[in-house]
C-alpha cells in the first residue's frame, strides 16, 4: 500500500478526528479511504446515469412489458 501525506487546516483535522471517534473508524486513513471509495461510487453512478440519459428511449413500461419481464425471470429460474 502506498502512503500519501496531506495537510489540513486545524478545523478540518478536528472534524476528521471527530468522525473517526464518533463513527468507529480505527484511523483517519480508514475514514479518508471510505470517503474516496464513496466518491468513486458516486462518479461511477453519475457516469451510468449520463449514459442512460443519452441513450435511445426504450419501449413503454406497460403491463405487457412487466408480464414479459416476469416470464423471462421465471424462465431463467426454472432453467
C-alpha atoms as a PDB file:
ATOM      1  CA  UNK A   1       0.000   0.000   0.000  1.00  0.00           C
ATOM      2  CA  UNK A   2       1.260   3.464  -0.867  1.00  0.00           C
ATOM      3  CA  UNK A   3       1.452   6.349   1.563  1.00  0.00           C
ATOM      4  CA  UNK A   4       0.155   9.864   0.963  1.00  0.00           C
ATOM      5  CA  UNK A   5       0.543  12.743   3.363  1.00  0.00           C
ATOM      6  CA  UNK A   6      -1.979  15.566   3.355  1.00  0.00           C
ATOM      7  CA  UNK A   7      -2.090  18.884   5.161  1.00  0.00           C
ATOM      8  CA  UNK A   8      -5.344  20.062   6.711  1.00  0.00           C
ATOM      9  CA  UNK A   9      -6.312  23.253   8.446  1.00  0.00           C
ATOM     10  CA  UNK A  10      -6.940  22.748  12.169  1.00  0.00           C
ATOM     11  CA  UNK A  11     -10.723  22.895  11.729  1.00  0.00           C
ATOM     12  CA  UNK A  12     -10.692  20.063   9.151  1.00  0.00           C
ATOM     13  CA  UNK A  13      -8.275  17.978  11.229  1.00  0.00           C
ATOM     14  CA  UNK A  14     -10.623  18.351  14.201  1.00  0.00           C
ATOM     15  CA  UNK A  15     -13.569  17.332  12.033  1.00  0.00           C
ATOM     16  CA  UNK A  16     -11.753  14.232  10.768  1.00  0.00           C
ATOM     17  CA  UNK A  17     -10.734  13.262  14.306  1.00  0.00           C
ATOM     18  CA  UNK A  18     -14.352  13.619  15.448  1.00  0.00           C
ATOM     19  CA  UNK A  19     -15.598  11.458  12.578  1.00  0.00           C
ATOM     20  CA  UNK A  20     -13.043   8.770  13.386  1.00  0.00           C
ATOM     21  CA  UNK A  21     -14.104   8.767  17.010  1.00  0.00           C
ATOM     22  CA  UNK A  22     -17.865   9.011  16.527  1.00  0.00           C
ATOM     23  CA  UNK A  23     -18.256   6.695  13.566  1.00  0.00           C
ATOM     24  CA  UNK A  24     -15.996   3.869  14.667  1.00  0.00           C
ATOM     25  CA  UNK A  25     -13.086   4.214  12.276  1.00  0.00           C
ATOM     26  CA  UNK A  26      -9.786   2.913  13.574  1.00  0.00           C
ATOM     27  CA  UNK A  27      -7.711   5.668  11.987  1.00  0.00           C
ATOM     28  CA  UNK A  28      -8.086   8.831   9.967  1.00  0.00           C
ATOM     29  CA  UNK A  29      -6.715   6.873   6.996  1.00  0.00           C
ATOM     30  CA  UNK A  30      -9.686   4.488   7.168  1.00  0.00           C
ATOM     31  CA  UNK A  31     -12.046   7.462   7.158  1.00  0.00           C
ATOM     32  CA  UNK A  32     -10.342   9.086   4.163  1.00  0.00           C
ATOM     33  CA  UNK A  33     -10.268   5.785   2.247  1.00  0.00           C
ATOM     34  CA  UNK A  34     -14.013   5.436   2.835  1.00  0.00           C
ATOM     35  CA  UNK A  35     -14.604   8.965   1.526  1.00  0.00           C
ATOM     36  CA  UNK A  36     -12.569   8.210  -1.589  1.00  0.00           C
ATOM     37  CA  UNK A  37     -14.445   4.939  -2.214  1.00  0.00           C
ATOM     38  CA  UNK A  38     -17.778   6.737  -1.865  1.00  0.00           C
ATOM     39  CA  UNK A  39     -16.622   9.393  -4.315  1.00  0.00           C
ATOM     40  CA  UNK A  40     -15.580   6.680  -6.781  1.00  0.00           C
ATOM     41  CA  UNK A  41     -19.030   5.092  -6.432  1.00  0.00           C
ATOM     42  CA  UNK A  42     -20.701   8.478  -6.929  1.00  0.00           C
ATOM     43  CA  UNK A  43     -18.685   9.146 -10.076  1.00  0.00           C
ATOM     44  CA  UNK A  44     -19.479   5.686 -11.466  1.00  0.00           C
ATOM     45  CA  UNK A  45     -23.189   6.180 -10.769  1.00  0.00           C
ATOM     46  CA  UNK A  46     -23.093   9.615 -12.410  1.00  0.00           C
ATOM     47  CA  UNK A  47     -21.436   8.110 -15.469  1.00  0.00           C
ATOM     48  CA  UNK A  48     -24.105   5.394 -15.693  1.00  0.00           C
ATOM     49  CA  UNK A  49     -26.896   7.940 -15.283  1.00  0.00           C
ATOM     50  CA  UNK A  50     -25.435  10.157 -18.010  1.00  0.00           C
ATOM     51  CA  UNK A  51     -25.063   7.166 -20.316  1.00  0.00           C
ATOM     52  CA  UNK A  52     -28.674   6.209 -19.662  1.00  0.00           C
ATOM     53  CA  UNK A  53     -29.887   9.758 -20.191  1.00  0.00           C
ATOM     54  CA  UNK A  54     -28.130   9.973 -23.552  1.00  0.00           C
ATOM     55  CA  UNK A  55     -29.279   6.546 -24.751  1.00  0.00           C
ATOM     56  CA  UNK A  56     -32.181   5.945 -27.075  1.00  0.00           C
ATOM     57  CA  UNK A  57     -35.542   5.636 -25.280  1.00  0.00           C
ATOM     58  CA  UNK A  58     -36.775   2.097 -24.802  1.00  0.00           C
ATOM     59  CA  UNK A  59     -40.324   0.935 -25.260  1.00  0.00           C
ATOM     60  CA  UNK A  60     -43.072   1.781 -22.824  1.00  0.00           C
ATOM     61  CA  UNK A  61     -43.024   0.073 -19.425  1.00  0.00           C
ATOM     62  CA  UNK A  62     -46.637  -1.028 -19.581  1.00  0.00           C
ATOM     63  CA  UNK A  63     -48.445  -4.143 -18.329  1.00  0.00           C
ATOM     64  CA  UNK A  64     -47.191  -6.208 -21.295  1.00  0.00           C
ATOM     65  CA  UNK A  65     -43.589  -5.174 -20.590  1.00  0.00           C
ATOM     66  CA  UNK A  66     -43.847  -6.362 -16.971  1.00  0.00           C
ATOM     67  CA  UNK A  67     -45.623  -9.585 -17.950  1.00  0.00           C
ATOM     68  CA  UNK A  68     -42.834 -10.360 -20.431  1.00  0.00           C
ATOM     69  CA  UNK A  69     -40.223  -9.498 -17.809  1.00  0.00           C
ATOM     70  CA  UNK A  70     -41.844 -11.865 -15.285  1.00  0.00           C
ATOM     71  CA  UNK A  71     -41.906 -14.619 -17.920  1.00  0.00           C
ATOM     72  CA  UNK A  72     -38.196 -14.108 -18.684  1.00  0.00           C
ATOM     73  CA  UNK A  73     -37.284 -14.170 -14.990  1.00  0.00           C
ATOM     74  CA  UNK A  74     -39.326 -17.299 -14.374  1.00  0.00           C
ATOM     75  CA  UNK A  75     -37.703 -18.948 -17.402  1.00  0.00           C
ATOM     76  CA  UNK A  76     -34.216 -18.304 -16.017  1.00  0.00           C
ATOM     77  CA  UNK A  77     -35.170 -19.507 -12.539  1.00  0.00           C
ATOM     78  CA  UNK A  78     -36.613 -22.739 -13.893  1.00  0.00           C
ATOM     79  CA  UNK A  79     -33.780 -23.378 -16.369  1.00  0.00           C
END
